[in-house]
Protein backbone atom coordinates (compact mmCIF):
# COMPACT_ATOMS: atom_id res chain seq x y z
CA UNK A 1 106.60 132.04 60.86
CA UNK A 2 106.34 135.27 61.68
CA UNK A 3 105.35 136.00 65.36
CA UNK A 4 102.16 137.35 65.12
CA UNK A 5 100.84 134.13 62.86
CA UNK A 6 102.97 131.91 65.43
CA UNK A 7 100.95 133.83 68.47
CA UNK A 8 97.50 132.84 66.44
CA UNK A 9 98.78 129.36 65.62
CA UNK A 10 99.28 128.65 69.27
CA UNK A 11 95.96 130.49 70.21
CA UNK A 12 94.34 128.52 67.55
CA UNK A 13 95.78 125.39 69.20
CA UNK A 14 94.75 126.15 72.43
CA UNK A 15 91.12 126.82 71.58
CA UNK A 16 91.36 123.26 69.65
CA UNK A 17 92.33 121.56 72.55
CA UNK A 18 89.44 122.96 74.91
CA UNK A 19 86.82 122.18 72.21
CA UNK A 20 88.28 118.59 71.99
CA UNK A 21 88.16 117.98 75.59
CA UNK A 22 84.42 119.23 75.79
CA UNK A 23 83.98 116.46 73.21
CA UNK A 24 86.05 113.91 74.86
CA UNK A 25 84.14 114.45 78.19
CA UNK A 26 80.66 114.21 76.44
CA UNK A 27 81.60 111.07 74.42
CA UNK A 28 82.92 109.31 77.53
CA UNK A 29 79.21 109.70 79.28
CA UNK A 30 77.86 107.73 76.38
CA UNK A 31 77.56 104.07 76.45
CA UNK A 32 78.77 101.97 73.94
CA UNK A 33 75.70 101.42 71.89
CA UNK A 34 76.60 100.87 68.27
CA UNK A 35 77.29 97.52 66.84
CA UNK A 36 80.96 96.39 67.26
CA UNK A 37 81.11 95.55 63.48
CA UNK A 38 79.55 99.33 62.60
CA UNK A 39 82.05 102.09 61.87
CA UNK A 40 81.44 104.76 64.07
CA UNK A 41 80.24 107.11 61.63
CA UNK A 42 78.46 109.34 64.15
CA UNK A 43 81.87 110.15 65.88
CA UNK A 44 83.67 110.76 62.84
CA UNK A 45 81.24 113.40 61.47
CA UNK A 46 80.74 115.23 64.64
CA UNK A 47 85.19 115.18 64.69
CA UNK A 48 85.09 116.77 60.99
CA UNK A 49 82.40 119.30 61.94
CA UNK A 50 84.59 120.57 65.32
CA UNK A 51 87.04 121.26 62.76
CA UNK A 52 89.40 118.45 64.07
CA UNK A 53 90.41 117.26 60.16
CA UNK A 54 90.96 120.86 59.09
CA UNK A 55 93.45 121.83 62.02
CA UNK A 56 95.70 119.17 60.59
CA UNK A 57 96.55 121.08 57.74
CA UNK A 58 99.61 123.15 57.49
CA UNK A 59 99.07 127.01 58.33
CA UNK A 60 99.15 127.92 54.63
CA UNK A 61 96.36 125.44 54.17
CA UNK A 62 94.02 127.04 56.54
CA UNK A 63 95.13 124.42 59.46
CA UNK A 64 96.95 124.71 62.68
CA UNK A 65 99.91 122.89 61.08
CA UNK A 66 99.24 119.80 63.85
CA UNK A 67 101.06 117.39 61.08
CA UNK A 68 104.85 119.52 60.97
CA UNK A 69 105.58 121.25 63.99
CA UNK A 70 106.53 120.07 67.41
CA UNK A 71 104.11 122.05 69.27
CA UNK A 72 101.41 120.41 66.74
CA UNK A 73 102.55 117.41 67.60
CA UNK A 74 102.21 117.42 71.16
CA UNK A 75 98.26 118.17 70.62
CA UNK A 76 97.84 115.34 67.99
CA UNK A 77 99.18 113.47 70.64
CA UNK A 78 96.16 114.12 72.68
CA UNK A 79 93.77 114.45 69.49
CA UNK A 80 95.00 110.19 68.84
CA UNK A 81 95.11 109.58 72.52
CA UNK A 82 91.48 110.50 72.95
CA UNK A 83 90.32 109.16 69.92
CA UNK A 84 91.71 105.66 70.51
CA UNK A 85 89.78 105.63 74.12
CA UNK A 86 86.61 106.83 72.27
CA UNK A 87 86.93 104.11 69.50
CA UNK A 88 89.94 102.09 68.70
CA UNK A 89 88.62 101.53 64.89
CA UNK A 90 88.29 104.72 64.05
CA UNK A 91 91.76 106.06 65.98
CA UNK A 92 93.39 103.76 63.52
CA UNK A 93 91.26 105.35 60.58
CA UNK A 94 92.14 108.97 61.88
CA UNK A 95 96.08 107.75 62.18
CA UNK A 96 95.79 106.67 58.59
CA UNK A 97 94.61 109.91 57.40
CA UNK A 98 97.01 112.10 59.32
CA UNK A 99 99.41 109.55 57.84
CA UNK A 100 98.45 110.57 54.17
CA UNK A 101 98.34 114.81 55.55
CA UNK A 102 101.92 114.17 56.74
CA UNK A 103 103.25 112.37 53.35
CA UNK A 104 101.78 115.11 51.15
CA UNK A 105 103.02 117.84 53.67
CA UNK A 106 106.73 116.01 53.27
CA UNK A 107 106.62 114.92 49.80
CA UNK A 108 104.22 116.76 47.39
CA UNK A 109 104.32 120.30 45.51
CA UNK A 110 102.25 123.16 46.76
CA UNK A 111 99.81 122.38 44.11
CA UNK A 112 99.63 119.03 45.50
CA UNK A 113 99.15 120.19 48.96
CA UNK A 114 96.15 122.80 47.39
CA UNK A 115 94.34 119.86 45.76
CA UNK A 116 94.43 117.21 48.92
CA UNK A 117 92.99 120.17 50.97
CA UNK A 118 90.13 120.75 48.63
CA UNK A 119 89.81 116.97 48.27
CA UNK A 120 89.10 116.50 51.55
CA UNK A 121 87.42 119.35 52.45
CA UNK A 122 84.40 117.89 49.85
CA UNK A 123 84.81 114.24 50.86
CA UNK A 124 86.31 113.71 54.19
CA UNK A 125 88.59 110.67 55.29
CA UNK A 126 91.60 110.01 53.29
CA UNK A 127 92.85 106.18 53.50
CA UNK A 128 96.94 104.84 53.43
CA UNK A 129 96.46 101.17 51.69
CA UNK A 130 100.25 100.28 51.08
CA UNK A 131 99.63 96.43 51.92
CA UNK A 132 99.06 94.27 48.37
CA UNK A 133 96.89 91.93 47.35
CA UNK A 134 96.23 89.53 45.10
CA UNK A 135 97.74 90.31 42.74
CA UNK A 136 99.71 93.47 43.85
CA UNK A 137 99.46 97.11 42.28
CA UNK A 138 101.41 97.73 39.31
CA UNK A 139 102.05 101.21 37.39
CA UNK A 140 102.15 101.25 33.99
CA UNK A 141 102.72 104.09 31.50
CA UNK A 142 100.20 104.98 28.96
CA UNK A 143 101.22 107.86 26.72
CA UNK A 144 100.71 110.82 28.67
CA UNK A 145 99.27 109.07 32.03
CA UNK A 146 99.39 105.99 33.79
CA UNK A 147 97.59 102.78 34.31
CA UNK A 148 97.13 101.32 37.50
CA UNK A 149 96.34 96.99 38.23
CA UNK A 150 96.21 95.12 41.24
CA UNK A 151 94.44 95.20 44.56
CA UNK A 152 95.01 96.63 48.15
CA UNK A 153 94.47 94.24 50.72
CA UNK A 154 93.84 95.74 54.38
CA UNK A 155 92.30 98.45 53.38
CA UNK A 156 91.07 100.16 56.54
CA UNK A 157 87.59 102.04 56.32
CA UNK A 158 86.93 100.97 52.73
CA UNK A 159 83.56 101.87 52.44
CA UNK A 160 84.32 105.59 54.30
CA UNK A 161 87.73 106.56 52.35
CA UNK A 162 86.99 108.50 49.52
CA UNK A 163 91.20 109.10 48.95
CA UNK A 164 93.79 106.74 49.23
CA UNK A 165 97.52 107.00 49.46
CA UNK A 166 98.88 103.73 48.03
CA UNK A 167 102.04 102.46 46.92
CA UNK A 168 102.24 100.95 43.27
CA UNK A 169 105.19 99.05 41.48
CA UNK A 170 106.49 100.64 38.11
CA UNK A 171 107.97 98.29 35.64
CA UNK A 172 111.37 99.63 36.62
CA UNK A 173 112.23 100.83 40.25
CA UNK A 174 111.11 101.25 43.43
CA UNK A 175 107.42 101.60 44.36
CA UNK A 176 105.95 105.33 43.99
CA UNK A 177 103.13 106.93 46.32
CA UNK A 178 100.04 107.65 44.34
CA UNK A 179 97.04 109.47 45.55
CA UNK A 180 93.62 107.84 44.00
CA UNK A 181 90.10 108.69 44.46
CA UNK A 182 87.86 105.62 46.06
CA UNK A 183 84.69 106.23 45.53
CA UNK A 184 84.01 103.44 43.17
CA UNK A 185 81.95 100.55 45.25
CA UNK A 186 82.39 98.36 42.74
CA UNK A 187 85.96 97.90 43.33
CA UNK A 188 85.51 97.31 46.57
CA UNK A 189 86.21 93.67 47.93
CA UNK A 190 86.07 91.78 51.19
CA UNK A 191 88.88 91.76 53.48
CA UNK A 192 91.28 88.92 54.48
CA UNK A 193 88.96 87.27 56.32
CA UNK A 194 87.51 88.33 59.59
CA UNK A 195 89.69 89.40 62.23
CA UNK A 196 89.20 89.14 66.00
CA UNK A 197 89.08 92.70 66.68
CA UNK A 198 88.92 95.72 64.92
CA UNK A 199 85.71 95.06 63.26
CA UNK A 200 84.25 98.51 63.06
CA UNK A 201 87.38 99.94 61.24
CA UNK A 202 85.71 98.29 58.01
CA UNK A 203 88.46 96.69 56.49
CA UNK A 204 88.38 95.43 53.31
CA UNK A 205 90.34 95.25 49.78
CA UNK A 206 90.15 97.77 46.57
CA UNK A 207 90.71 96.59 43.12
CA UNK A 208 92.26 99.35 41.02
CA UNK A 209 92.81 97.75 38.08
CA UNK A 210 92.49 99.64 35.06
CA UNK A 211 92.84 102.83 36.64
CA UNK A 212 93.73 105.68 35.27
CA UNK A 213 95.93 108.43 36.86
CA UNK A 214 97.96 111.76 35.65
CA UNK A 215 101.47 112.52 36.46
CA UNK A 216 100.49 114.79 38.95
CA UNK A 217 98.38 112.03 41.24
CA UNK A 218 101.96 110.77 41.74
CA UNK A 219 103.65 111.80 44.96
CA UNK A 220 107.52 112.57 45.35
CA UNK A 221 109.90 110.42 43.81
CA UNK A 222 110.19 106.29 44.17
CA UNK A 223 111.38 105.32 47.15
CA UNK A 224 110.01 108.14 49.42
CA UNK A 225 107.34 106.07 50.99
CA UNK A 226 110.08 104.21 52.92
CA UNK A 227 112.86 106.78 53.44
CA UNK A 228 113.41 107.18 56.86
CA UNK A 229 113.51 108.70 59.40
CA UNK A 230 109.76 109.20 58.29
CA UNK A 231 108.99 105.91 57.44
CA UNK A 232 109.56 104.65 61.02
CA UNK A 233 108.99 107.78 63.04
CA UNK A 234 105.51 107.48 62.06
CA UNK A 235 104.93 104.78 64.08
CA UNK A 236 104.09 107.29 67.33
CA UNK A 237 100.74 107.67 66.04
CA UNK A 238 100.02 104.15 66.27
CA UNK A 239 101.50 104.07 70.00
CA UNK A 240 98.77 107.05 71.06
CA UNK A 241 95.92 105.43 69.44
CA UNK A 242 96.86 102.02 71.56
CA UNK A 243 97.51 104.23 74.82
CA UNK A 244 93.99 105.55 74.53
CA UNK A 245 92.92 101.90 74.73
CA UNK A 246 94.66 101.31 77.61
CA UNK A 247 93.21 104.52 79.33
CA UNK A 248 89.80 102.91 78.51
CA UNK A 249 90.90 99.59 79.76
CA UNK A 250 91.95 100.84 82.87
CA UNK A 251 88.78 103.21 83.21
CA UNK A 252 87.00 100.11 82.43
CA UNK A 253 88.39 97.73 85.47
CA UNK A 254 88.23 100.77 88.14
CA UNK A 255 84.31 101.11 87.37
CA UNK A 256 83.87 97.24 87.11
CA UNK A 257 85.54 96.81 90.50
CA UNK A 258 83.37 99.78 92.38
CA UNK A 259 80.29 98.68 90.81
CA UNK A 260 80.92 95.09 92.32
CA UNK A 261 82.00 96.71 95.70
CA UNK A 262 85.63 94.92 95.24
CA UNK A 263 87.80 97.99 94.37
CA UNK A 264 89.07 97.77 98.48
CA UNK A 265 90.19 94.04 97.99
CA UNK A 266 93.55 94.16 98.77
CA UNK A 267 94.30 91.95 95.42
CA UNK A 268 92.42 93.85 93.36
CA UNK A 269 93.89 96.87 94.89
CA UNK A 270 97.10 95.82 93.69
CA UNK A 271 96.28 94.89 90.15
CA UNK A 272 95.44 98.38 89.91
CA UNK A 273 98.16 99.86 91.14
CA UNK A 274 100.32 97.36 88.20
CA UNK A 275 97.66 98.64 85.64
CA UNK A 276 98.13 102.63 86.73
CA UNK A 277 102.00 101.83 86.50
CA UNK A 278 101.89 100.17 83.61
CA UNK A 279 99.66 102.95 81.74
CA UNK A 280 101.85 105.83 83.11
CA UNK A 281 105.00 103.59 81.66
CA UNK A 282 103.41 103.58 78.16
CA UNK A 283 102.36 107.42 78.32
CA UNK A 284 105.87 108.21 79.04
CA UNK A 285 107.22 106.14 76.19
CA UNK A 286 104.93 107.69 74.02
CA UNK A 287 106.05 111.52 75.05
CA UNK A 288 109.51 110.67 74.33
CA UNK A 289 108.37 109.16 71.05
CA UNK A 290 106.73 112.13 70.25
CA UNK A 291 109.84 114.30 71.09
CA UNK A 292 112.16 112.16 69.27
CA UNK A 293 109.84 112.29 65.95
CA UNK A 294 109.50 116.27 65.81
CA UNK A 295 113.15 116.68 67.00
CA UNK A 296 115.66 118.58 65.01
CA UNK A 297 118.97 117.41 66.36
CA UNK A 298 118.69 113.85 66.75
CA UNK A 299 120.18 111.72 64.45
CA UNK A 300 118.29 109.23 62.01
CA UNK A 301 118.81 106.35 63.86
CA UNK A 302 118.39 107.97 67.04
CA UNK A 303 114.77 108.20 66.04
CA UNK A 304 113.96 105.61 64.59
CA UNK A 305 115.49 103.40 67.44
CA UNK A 306 113.73 105.51 70.27
CA UNK A 307 110.38 105.35 68.27
CA UNK A 308 110.34 101.25 67.70
CA UNK A 309 111.19 100.56 71.65
CA UNK A 310 108.23 102.85 72.50
CA UNK A 311 106.21 101.02 70.45
CA UNK A 312 107.43 97.88 71.85
CA UNK A 313 106.96 99.46 75.49
CA UNK A 314 103.51 100.15 74.47
CA UNK A 315 102.60 96.47 73.43
CA UNK A 316 104.07 95.41 76.11
CA UNK A 317 102.35 97.58 78.83
CA UNK A 318 99.01 96.65 76.71
CA UNK A 319 99.45 92.81 76.74
CA UNK A 320 100.13 93.09 80.45
CA UNK A 321 97.14 95.11 81.27
CA UNK A 322 94.81 92.98 79.46
CA UNK A 323 96.25 89.80 81.72
CA UNK A 324 95.59 91.95 84.70
CA UNK A 325 91.87 92.69 83.86
CA UNK A 326 91.31 88.98 83.06
CA UNK A 327 92.52 88.39 86.15
CA UNK A 328 90.47 91.15 88.24
CA UNK A 329 87.14 90.37 86.33
CA UNK A 330 87.13 86.72 86.06
CA UNK A 331 84.82 85.24 83.36
CA UNK A 332 82.72 88.53 83.09
CA UNK A 333 85.85 89.86 80.79
CA UNK A 334 85.12 87.41 78.17
CA UNK A 335 81.39 88.03 77.82
CA UNK A 336 81.04 89.49 74.10
CA UNK A 337 79.05 92.28 74.48
CA UNK A 338 80.35 93.87 77.33
CA UNK A 339 82.50 96.98 76.84
CA UNK A 340 85.64 95.41 78.57
CA UNK A 341 85.59 92.43 76.36
CA UNK A 342 85.31 94.27 73.09
CA UNK A 343 88.32 96.87 73.91
CA UNK A 344 90.55 94.13 74.85
CA UNK A 345 89.61 91.93 71.61
CA UNK A 346 90.55 95.34 69.49
CA UNK A 347 93.26 96.55 71.26
CA UNK A 348 95.04 92.92 71.07
CA UNK A 349 94.34 93.16 67.59
CA UNK A 350 95.54 96.49 67.08
CA UNK A 351 99.02 95.55 68.34
CA UNK A 352 99.74 93.37 66.10
CA UNK A 353 102.30 95.42 63.98
CA UNK A 354 104.83 94.33 61.92
CA UNK A 355 108.11 92.89 62.59
CA UNK A 356 108.22 93.45 66.54
CA UNK A 357 111.46 91.09 66.89
CA UNK A 358 113.13 93.43 64.11
CA UNK A 359 112.50 96.29 65.85
CA UNK A 360 113.66 95.38 69.05
CA UNK A 361 116.82 94.03 67.86
CA UNK A 362 117.67 96.73 65.60
CA UNK A 363 117.20 99.56 68.49
CA UNK A 364 119.04 97.34 70.94
CA UNK A 365 122.33 97.09 68.37
CA UNK A 366 122.23 100.91 67.86
CA UNK A 367 122.04 102.01 71.44
CA UNK A 368 124.89 99.20 72.30
CA UNK A 369 127.22 101.11 70.51
CA UNK A 370 126.07 104.69 71.21
CA UNK A 371 124.60 106.99 73.83
CA UNK A 372 120.80 107.38 74.54
CA UNK A 373 120.80 111.42 73.48
CA UNK A 374 120.17 113.82 75.51
CA UNK A 375 118.44 116.24 73.49
CA UNK A 376 115.15 114.94 72.34
CA UNK A 377 113.39 118.33 71.17
């Protein structure tokens, strides 16, 4: 990147951060008024109008490189954290959108990056749907094109996503990534059931049976989706969203105790102090994970292990914080319709990521035999 281009990018990121800060303060001041099962369309639209989605693209595609550079990653961390504060459900969907952009930048051709930019400029939200329903999604060659068959379950924002990155299993070989339009409402299916939280994310399923795709809709090579360290490294983005939920819960605890005149009670002060420690600990772990994810010096195993440990540290901090809030506020923390109750349920649901025990033991096994890396940037 030329020096002038880099300077322009840095200035653009600074302007973007200031714009994001103003939007964040405006939305923090608004009460949660929409039903919890209603997708936050207004906030999504405002983020799009403020240029948040455009900034995610590379400089070559007219963006600010937030998904590619280490500096951009710091701004992306702030974005995901703040959106997670405002809405964990929207944070989940934004994190999926970012993942699509990131994977296309890593594994896509120049033409595919151009096409993605054009499609999302017109249609908005992308989703990454990789959990198979019944039957699983397969890919079959038919002449010069391919035919898809099967269902993806746990499809976040199924009614809002217009373009999905999915995995499909061919007759032979490892699954491949495919970019597919998802605008046919007749293909939408009910989700796996009613989740305890995260209702506003609009999780459903989508039936791809009979859809034809062109060879240029296939992204990268077979097995790229599971390629390390990227497959595990991307978990830092989910942790950043969860950290936003932790921020929100700490603020709700403080505000509730102040409103009750209980904030100076020594037992409540002790809980607030513990809550602040938990939040700061989680934040430090996520910042370490961001540095690892963008490091050009660290071994792949170091990156994976640090980010997995960060993910588990955030989970532990959030679960301990939920217990503190419940003890502090008593039964009022369990009243449906109150912001604190919704945020706790959303956060507890959001934290249910796969294979936590495996992530912990594999990271521990690596660092038993290897020193913690000193250089993480």
